Structures are given as structure tokens and as C-alpha cells.
Amino acid sequence: MAGFLDRAKEQAQSALNQGKQRVDDVQQQRAGNDLLKKLGAAYYAERRGSGTPDVTQQALAALEAHIAAHGDGFLRG
């Protein structure tokens, strides 16, 4: 009986860890998408004359930092 409970506990812990990892992945993907959207908005504003190159460069740097920390998987989806 104890062996069964131990296995069940291990499986539940494994499922919990997988769920947490998936939530983290989704959160990082959303953050990357938000940064990409900010870069696009900054670039558009700059091209239209209402933005500055500094804002565009800051948005690009933030996106590059996110990619360095979390990868570029969000760009493929």
C-alpha cells in the first residue's frame, strides 16, 4: 500500500511540476509578445514622425534582453 501511495505522490508531483513549467512558458511567451508589440509601435511612431530613435532602441534592447534570458521561441508561434 505504501508503495502505491509513494508512486501516486511522485506522479502528482511530476504533473504539478509540468503544469508550473507550462505556466512559466506561457508567461514568458506573453512577455515576449508584449515586448515585440512595443518595438513595433515604437518603430511605427518613429517612422510617422511622432516617436524617437531612443524609444525604438530601448524597446529593441528590452526585447533582446528577454530573448537572451528566455530564448526566442515566442517568435515562431
PDB file of N, CA and C in Angstrom:
ATOM      1  N   MET A   1       0.828  -1.206   0.000  1.00  0.00           N
ATOM      2  CA  MET A   1       0.000   0.000   0.000  1.00  0.00           C
ATOM      3  C   MET A   1       0.866   1.260   0.000  1.00  0.00           C
ATOM      4  N   ALA A   2       1.928   1.236   0.793  1.00  0.00           N
ATOM      5  CA  ALA A   2       2.798   2.410   0.871  1.00  0.00           C
ATOM      6  C   ALA A   2       3.468   2.669  -0.472  1.00  0.00           C
ATOM      7  N   GLY A   3       3.862   1.613  -1.176  1.00  0.00           N
ATOM      8  CA  GLY A   3       4.479   1.770  -2.486  1.00  0.00           C
ATOM      9  C   GLY A   3       3.538   2.436  -3.474  1.00  0.00           C
ATOM     10  N   PHE A   4       2.293   2.056  -3.442  1.00  0.00           N
ATOM     11  CA  PHE A   4       1.287   2.657  -4.311  1.00  0.00           C
ATOM     12  C   PHE A   4       1.130   4.139  -4.005  1.00  0.00           C
ATOM     13  N   LEU A   5       1.058   4.478  -2.736  1.00  0.00           N
ATOM     14  CA  LEU A   5       0.905   5.883  -2.344  1.00  0.00           C
ATOM     15  C   LEU A   5       2.136   6.701  -2.710  1.00  0.00           C
ATOM     16  N   ASP A   6       3.306   6.102  -2.574  1.00  0.00           N
ATOM     17  CA  ASP A   6       4.532   6.802  -2.956  1.00  0.00           C
ATOM     18  C   ASP A   6       4.555   7.091  -4.456  1.00  0.00           C
ATOM     19  N   ARG A   7       4.166   6.096  -5.256  1.00  0.00           N
ATOM     20  CA  ARG A   7       4.120   6.291  -6.710  1.00  0.00           C
ATOM     21  C   ARG A   7       3.083   7.351  -7.083  1.00  0.00           C
ATOM     22  N   ALA A   8       1.943   7.291  -6.441  1.00  0.00           N
ATOM     23  CA  ALA A   8       0.897   8.282  -6.725  1.00  0.00           C
ATOM     24  C   ALA A   8       1.380   9.680  -6.371  1.00  0.00           C
ATOM     25  N   LYS A   9       2.071   9.787  -5.246  1.00  0.00           N
ATOM     26  CA  LYS A   9       2.605  11.091  -4.818  1.00  0.00           C
ATOM     27  C   LYS A   9       3.641  11.596  -5.820  1.00  0.00           C
ATOM     28  N   GLU A  10       4.521  10.709  -6.290  1.00  0.00           N
ATOM     29  CA  GLU A  10       5.529  11.086  -7.281  1.00  0.00           C
ATOM     30  C   GLU A  10       4.884  11.536  -8.582  1.00  0.00           C
ATOM     31  N   GLN A  11       3.867  10.829  -9.023  1.00  0.00           N
ATOM     32  CA  GLN A  11       3.174  11.193 -10.259  1.00  0.00           C
ATOM     33  C   GLN A  11       2.471  12.531 -10.113  1.00  0.00           C
ATOM     34  N   ALA A  12       1.856  12.754  -8.964  1.00  0.00           N
ATOM     35  CA  ALA A  12       1.174  14.030  -8.728  1.00  0.00           C
ATOM     36  C   ALA A  12       2.180  15.176  -8.711  1.00  0.00           C
ATOM     37  N   GLN A  13       3.335  14.945  -8.078  1.00  0.00           N
ATOM     38  CA  GLN A  13       4.373  15.982  -8.029  1.00  0.00           C
ATOM     39  C   GLN A  13       4.911  16.263  -9.423  1.00  0.00           C
ATOM     40  N   SER A  14       5.100  15.221 -10.201  1.00  0.00           N
ATOM     41  CA  SER A  14       5.576  15.387 -11.570  1.00  0.00           C
ATOM     42  C   SER A  14       4.580  16.193 -12.406  1.00  0.00           C
ATOM     43  N   ALA A  15       3.309  15.867 -12.274  1.00  0.00           N
ATOM     44  CA  ALA A  15       2.273  16.602 -13.007  1.00  0.00           C
ATOM     45  C   ALA A  15       2.230  18.058 -12.567  1.00  0.00           C
ATOM     46  N   LEU A  16       2.394  18.297 -11.289  1.00  0.00           N
ATOM     47  CA  LEU A  16       2.405  19.667 -10.769  1.00  0.00           C
ATOM     48  C   LEU A  16       3.586  20.440 -11.338  1.00  0.00           C
ATOM     49  N   ASN A  17       4.755  19.814 -11.368  1.00  0.00           N
ATOM     50  CA  ASN A  17       5.941  20.474 -11.911  1.00  0.00           C
ATOM     51  C   ASN A  17       5.776  20.776 -13.399  1.00  0.00           C
ATOM     52  N   GLN A  18       5.190  19.846 -14.147  1.00  0.00           N
ATOM     53  CA  GLN A  18       4.945  20.077 -15.570  1.00  0.00           C
ATOM     54  C   GLN A  18       3.963  21.222 -15.768  1.00  0.00           C
ATOM     55  N   GLY A  19       2.941  21.277 -14.925  1.00  0.00           N
ATOM     56  CA  GLY A  19       1.966  22.366 -15.015  1.00  0.00           C
ATOM     57  C   GLY A  19       2.604  23.715 -14.719  1.00  0.00           C
ATOM     58  N   LYS A  20       3.449  23.761 -13.709  1.00  0.00           N
ATOM     59  CA  LYS A  20       4.139  25.014 -13.375  1.00  0.00           C
ATOM     60  C   LYS A  20       5.050  25.445 -14.518  1.00  0.00           C
ATOM     61  N   GLN A  21       5.744  24.493 -15.113  1.00  0.00           N
ATOM     62  CA  GLN A  21       6.635  24.816 -16.232  1.00  0.00           C
ATOM     63  C   GLN A  21       5.842  25.369 -17.405  1.00  0.00           C
ATOM     64  N   ARG A  22       4.697  24.777 -17.667  1.00  0.00           N
ATOM     65  CA  ARG A  22       3.860  25.249 -18.781  1.00  0.00           C
ATOM     66  C   ARG A  22       3.360  26.671 -18.520  1.00  0.00           C
ATOM     67  N   VAL A  23       2.959  26.946 -17.287  1.00  0.00           N
ATOM     68  CA  VAL A  23       2.519  28.302 -16.932  1.00  0.00           C
ATOM     69  C   VAL A  23       3.661  29.285 -17.116  1.00  0.00           C
ATOM     70  N   ASP A  24       4.855  28.923 -16.670  1.00  0.00           N
ATOM     71  CA  ASP A  24       6.022  29.790 -16.841  1.00  0.00           C
ATOM     72  C   ASP A  24       6.304  30.043 -18.319  1.00  0.00           C
ATOM     73  N   ASP A  25       6.209  28.989 -19.127  1.00  0.00           N
ATOM     74  CA  ASP A  25       6.444  29.133 -20.563  1.00  0.00           C
ATOM     75  C   ASP A  25       5.433  30.092 -21.196  1.00  0.00           C
ATOM     76  N   VAL A  26       4.183  29.947 -20.835  1.00  0.00           N
ATOM     77  CA  VAL A  26       3.143  30.821 -21.389  1.00  0.00           C
ATOM     78  C   VAL A  26       3.365  32.269 -20.952  1.00  0.00           C
ATOM     79  N   GLN A  27       3.739  32.464 -19.697  1.00  0.00           N
ATOM     80  CA  GLN A  27       4.000  33.823 -19.213  1.00  0.00           C
ATOM     81  C   GLN A  27       5.180  34.457 -19.944  1.00  0.00           C
ATOM     82  N   GLN A  28       6.238  33.691 -20.184  1.00  0.00           N
ATOM     83  CA  GLN A  28       7.384  34.226 -20.906  1.00  0.00           C
ATOM     84  C   GLN A  28       7.038  34.512 -22.365  1.00  0.00           C
ATOM     85  N   GLN A  29       6.197  33.681 -22.953  1.00  0.00           N
ATOM     86  CA  GLN A  29       5.762  33.921 -24.328  1.00  0.00           C
ATOM     87  C   GLN A  29       4.941  35.206 -24.410  1.00  0.00           C
ATOM     88  N   ARG A  30       4.051  35.398 -23.462  1.00  0.00           N
ATOM     89  CA  ARG A  30       3.249  36.629 -23.448  1.00  0.00           C
ATOM     90  C   ARG A  30       4.122  37.854 -23.254  1.00  0.00           C
ATOM     91  N   ALA A  31       5.094  37.757 -22.352  1.00  0.00           N
ATOM     92  CA  ALA A  31       6.004  38.884 -22.122  1.00  0.00           C
ATOM     93  C   ALA A  31       6.784  39.195 -23.401  1.00  0.00           C
ATOM     94  N   GLY A  32       7.271  38.170 -24.082  1.00  0.00           N
ATOM     95  CA  GLY A  32       7.984  38.382 -25.341  1.00  0.00           C
ATOM     96  C   GLY A  32       7.101  39.010 -26.397  1.00  0.00           C
ATOM     97  N   ASN A  33       5.877  38.547 -26.496  1.00  0.00           N
ATOM     98  CA  ASN A  33       4.938  39.125 -27.464  1.00  0.00           C
ATOM     99  C   ASN A  33       4.645  40.587 -27.145  1.00  0.00           C
ATOM    100  N   ASP A  34       4.506  40.915 -25.866  1.00  0.00           N
ATOM    101  CA  ASP A  34       4.280  42.307 -25.474  1.00  0.00           C
ATOM    102  C   ASP A  34       5.469  43.186 -25.847  1.00  0.00           C
ATOM    103  N   LEU A  35       6.678  42.682 -25.614  1.00  0.00           N
ATOM    104  CA  LEU A  35       7.873  43.447 -25.973  1.00  0.00           C
ATOM    105  C   LEU A  35       7.982  43.621 -27.484  1.00  0.00           C
ATOM    106  N   LEU A  36       7.632  42.601 -28.219  1.00  0.00           N
ATOM    107  CA  LEU A  36       7.655  42.694 -29.677  1.00  0.00           C
ATOM    108  C   LEU A  36       6.633  43.719 -30.165  1.00  0.00           C
ATOM    109  N   LYS A  37       5.483  43.729 -29.551  1.00  0.00           N
ATOM    110  CA  LYS A  37       4.445  44.707 -29.908  1.00  0.00           C
ATOM    111  C   LYS A  37       4.906  46.131 -29.592  1.00  0.00           C
ATOM    112  N   LYS A  38       5.571  46.306 -28.449  1.00  0.00           N
ATOM    113  CA  LYS A  38       6.087  47.636 -28.081  1.00  0.00           C
ATOM    114  C   LYS A  38       7.146  48.102 -29.068  1.00  0.00           C
ATOM    115  N   LEU A  39       7.999  47.178 -29.509  1.00  0.00           N
ATOM    116  CA  LEU A  39       9.009  47.531 -30.504  1.00  0.00           C
ATOM    117  C   LEU A  39       8.341  47.963 -31.802  1.00  0.00           C
ATOM    118  N   GLY A  40       7.350  47.227 -32.234  1.00  0.00           N
ATOM    119  CA  GLY A  40       6.641  47.600 -33.462  1.00  0.00           C
ATOM    120  C   GLY A  40       5.971  48.956 -33.349  1.00  0.00           C
ATOM    121  N   ALA A  41       5.357  49.220 -32.207  1.00  0.00           N
ATOM    122  CA  ALA A  41       4.693  50.512 -32.001  1.00  0.00           C
ATOM    123  C   ALA A  41       5.715  51.647 -31.978  1.00  0.00           C
ATOM    124  N   ALA A  42       6.857  51.402 -31.335  1.00  0.00           N
ATOM    125  CA  ALA A  42       7.898  52.430 -31.272  1.00  0.00           C
ATOM    126  C   ALA A  42       8.463  52.714 -32.660  1.00  0.00           C
ATOM    127  N   TYR A  43       8.693  51.669 -33.423  1.00  0.00           N
ATOM    128  CA  TYR A  43       9.210  51.839 -34.778  1.00  0.00           C
ATOM    129  C   TYR A  43       8.195  52.582 -35.658  1.00  0.00           C
ATOM    130  N   TYR A  44       6.949  52.191 -35.545  1.00  0.00           N
ATOM    131  CA  TYR A  44       5.901  52.857 -36.332  1.00  0.00           C
ATOM    132  C   TYR A  44       5.816  54.335 -35.978  1.00  0.00           C
ATOM    133  N   ALA A  45       5.844  54.622 -34.682  1.00  0.00           N
ATOM    134  CA  ALA A  45       5.778  56.026 -34.253  1.00  0.00           C
ATOM    135  C   ALA A  45       6.987  56.807 -34.761  1.00  0.00           C
ATOM    136  N   GLU A  46       8.149  56.182 -34.707  1.00  0.00           N
ATOM    137  CA  GLU A  46       9.353  56.849 -35.199  1.00  0.00           C
ATOM    138  C   GLU A  46       9.232  57.145 -36.697  1.00  0.00           C
ATOM    139  N   ARG A  47       8.772  56.173 -37.463  1.00  0.00           N
ATOM    140  CA  ARG A  47       8.635  56.362 -38.909  1.00  0.00           C
ATOM    141  C   ARG A  47       7.584  57.414 -39.256  1.00  0.00           C
ATOM    142  N   ARG A  48       6.568  57.530 -38.423  1.00  0.00           N
ATOM    143  CA  ARG A  48       5.499  58.515 -38.666  1.00  0.00           C
ATOM    144  C   ARG A  48       5.881  59.911 -38.179  1.00  0.00           C
ATOM    145  N   GLY A  49       6.996  60.015 -37.465  1.00  0.00           N
ATOM    146  CA  GLY A  49       7.447  61.328 -37.005  1.00  0.00           C
ATOM    147  C   GLY A  49       7.013  61.685 -35.610  1.00  0.00           C
ATOM    148  N   SER A  50       6.291  60.794 -34.934  1.00  0.00           N
ATOM    149  CA  SER A  50       5.834  61.111 -33.575  1.00  0.00           C
ATOM    150  C   SER A  50       6.637  60.364 -32.515  1.00  0.00           C
ATOM    151  N   GLY A  51       7.602  59.566 -32.934  1.00  0.00           N
ATOM    152  CA  GLY A  51       8.436  58.818 -31.995  1.00  0.00           C
ATOM    153  C   GLY A  51       9.886  59.207 -32.157  1.00  0.00           C
ATOM    154  N   THR A  52      10.715  58.630 -31.298  1.00  0.00           N
ATOM    155  CA  THR A  52      12.133  58.948 -31.348  1.00  0.00           C
ATOM    156  C   THR A  52      12.951  57.660 -31.508  1.00  0.00           C
ATOM    157  N   PRO A  53      14.130  57.797 -32.078  1.00  0.00           N
ATOM    158  CA  PRO A  53      15.001  56.618 -32.185  1.00  0.00           C
ATOM    159  C   PRO A  53      15.380  56.041 -30.819  1.00  0.00           C
ATOM    160  N   ASP A  54      15.472  56.893 -29.808  1.00  0.00           N
ATOM    161  CA  ASP A  54      15.812  56.414 -28.470  1.00  0.00           C
ATOM    162  C   ASP A  54      14.766  55.442 -27.935  1.00  0.00           C
ATOM    163  N   VAL A  55      13.507  55.747 -28.126  1.00  0.00           N
ATOM    164  CA  VAL A  55      12.433  54.871 -27.650  1.00  0.00           C
ATOM    165  C   VAL A  55      12.467  53.548 -28.404  1.00  0.00           C
ATOM    166  N   THR A  56      12.711  53.624 -29.707  1.00  0.00           N
ATOM    167  CA  THR A  56      12.815  52.407 -30.504  1.00  0.00           C
ATOM    168  C   THR A  56      13.995  51.566 -30.035  1.00  0.00           C
ATOM    169  N   GLN A  57      15.130  52.203 -29.772  1.00  0.00           N
ATOM    170  CA  GLN A  57      16.316  51.483 -29.312  1.00  0.00           C
ATOM    171  C   GLN A  57      16.076  50.859 -27.941  1.00  0.00           C
ATOM    172  N   GLN A  58      15.377  51.546 -27.051  1.00  0.00           N
ATOM    173  CA  GLN A  58      15.061  50.988 -25.736  1.00  0.00           C
ATOM    174  C   GLN A  58      14.162  49.764 -25.861  1.00  0.00           C
ATOM    175  N   ALA A  59      13.184  49.843 -26.746  1.00  0.00           N
ATOM    176  CA  ALA A  59      12.281  48.711 -26.960  1.00  0.00           C
ATOM    177  C   ALA A  59      13.042  47.528 -27.541  1.00  0.00           C
ATOM    178  N   LEU A  60      13.957  47.794 -28.456  1.00  0.00           N
ATOM    179  CA  LEU A  60      14.772  46.735 -29.045  1.00  0.00           C
ATOM    180  C   LEU A  60      15.672  46.107 -27.988  1.00  0.00           C
ATOM    181  N   ALA A  61      16.280  46.920 -27.145  1.00  0.00           N
ATOM    182  CA  ALA A  61      17.159  46.400 -26.088  1.00  0.00           C
ATOM    183  C   ALA A  61      16.376  45.527 -25.109  1.00  0.00           C
ATOM    184  N   ALA A  62      15.169  45.944 -24.762  1.00  0.00           N
ATOM    185  CA  ALA A  62      14.336  45.151 -23.843  1.00  0.00           C
ATOM    186  C   ALA A  62      13.981  43.810 -24.469  1.00  0.00           C
ATOM    187  N   LEU A  63      13.649  43.824 -25.750  1.00  0.00           N
ATOM    188  CA  LEU A  63      13.328  42.581 -26.457  1.00  0.00           C
ATOM    189  C   LEU A  63      14.552  41.665 -26.532  1.00  0.00           C
ATOM    190  N   GLU A  64      15.704  42.228 -26.855  1.00  0.00           N
ATOM    191  CA  GLU A  64      16.925  41.425 -26.931  1.00  0.00           C
ATOM    192  C   GLU A  64      17.292  40.832 -25.572  1.00  0.00           C
ATOM    193  N   ALA A  65      17.075  41.585 -24.497  1.00  0.00           N
ATOM    194  CA  ALA A  65      17.355  41.079 -23.149  1.00  0.00           C
ATOM    195  C   ALA A  65      16.430  39.914 -22.821  1.00  0.00           C
ATOM    196  N   HIS A  66      15.179  40.036 -23.209  1.00  0.00           N
ATOM    197  CA  HIS A  66      14.210  38.952 -22.977  1.00  0.00           C
ATOM    198  C   HIS A  66      14.627  37.700 -23.759  1.00  0.00           C
ATOM    199  N   ILE A  67      15.029  37.882 -24.990  1.00  0.00           N
ATOM    200  CA  ILE A  67      15.453  36.749 -25.811  1.00  0.00           C
ATOM    201  C   ILE A  67      16.698  36.094 -25.219  1.00  0.00           C
ATOM    202  N   ALA A  68      17.625  36.904 -24.736  1.00  0.00           N
ATOM    203  CA  ALA A  68      18.842  36.352 -24.136  1.00  0.00           C
ATOM    204  C   ALA A  68      18.518  35.529 -22.889  1.00  0.00           C
ATOM    205  N   ALA A  69      17.529  35.976 -22.131  1.00  0.00           N
ATOM    206  CA  ALA A  69      17.173  35.299 -20.887  1.00  0.00           C
ATOM    207  C   ALA A  69      16.267  34.089 -21.094  1.00  0.00           C
ATOM    208  N   HIS A  70      15.368  34.166 -22.081  1.00  0.00           N
ATOM    209  CA  HIS A  70      14.319  33.159 -22.207  1.00  0.00           C
ATOM    210  C   HIS A  70      14.241  32.475 -23.568  1.00  0.00           C
ATOM    211  N   GLY A  71      15.070  32.894 -24.502  1.00  0.00           N
ATOM    212  CA  GLY A  71      15.028  32.298 -25.829  1.00  0.00           C
ATOM    213  C   GLY A  71      14.047  33.013 -26.741  1.00  0.00           C
ATOM    214  N   ASP A  72      14.043  32.606 -27.998  1.00  0.00           N
ATOM    215  CA  ASP A  72      13.199  33.272 -28.990  1.00  0.00           C
ATOM    216  C   ASP A  72      12.043  32.399 -29.469  1.00  0.00           C
ATOM    217  N   GLY A  73      11.639  31.450 -28.660  1.00  0.00           N
ATOM    218  CA  GLY A  73      10.561  30.553 -29.030  1.00  0.00           C
ATOM    219  C   GLY A  73       9.248  31.264 -29.348  1.00  0.00           C
ATOM    220  N   PHE A  74       8.996  32.383 -28.705  1.00  0.00           N
ATOM    221  CA  PHE A  74       7.744  33.117 -28.939  1.00  0.00           C
ATOM    222  C   PHE A  74       7.691  33.719 -30.332  1.00  0.00           C
ATOM    223  N   LEU A  75       8.829  33.847 -30.999  1.00  0.00           N
ATOM    224  CA  LEU A  75       8.854  34.408 -32.346  1.00  0.00           C
ATOM    225  C   LEU A  75       8.364  33.408 -33.395  1.00  0.00           C
ATOM    226  N   ARG A  76       8.329  32.151 -33.043  1.00  0.00           N
ATOM    227  CA  ARG A  76       7.959  31.113 -34.006  1.00  0.00           C
ATOM    228  C   ARG A  76       6.464  30.816 -34.019  1.00  0.00           C
ATOM    229  N   GLY A  77       5.745  31.344 -33.083  1.00  0.00           N
ATOM    230  CA  GLY A  77       4.350  30.960 -32.983  1.00  0.00           C
ATOM    231  C   GLY A  77       3.443  31.998 -33.401  1.00  0.00           C
TER     232      GLY A  77
END
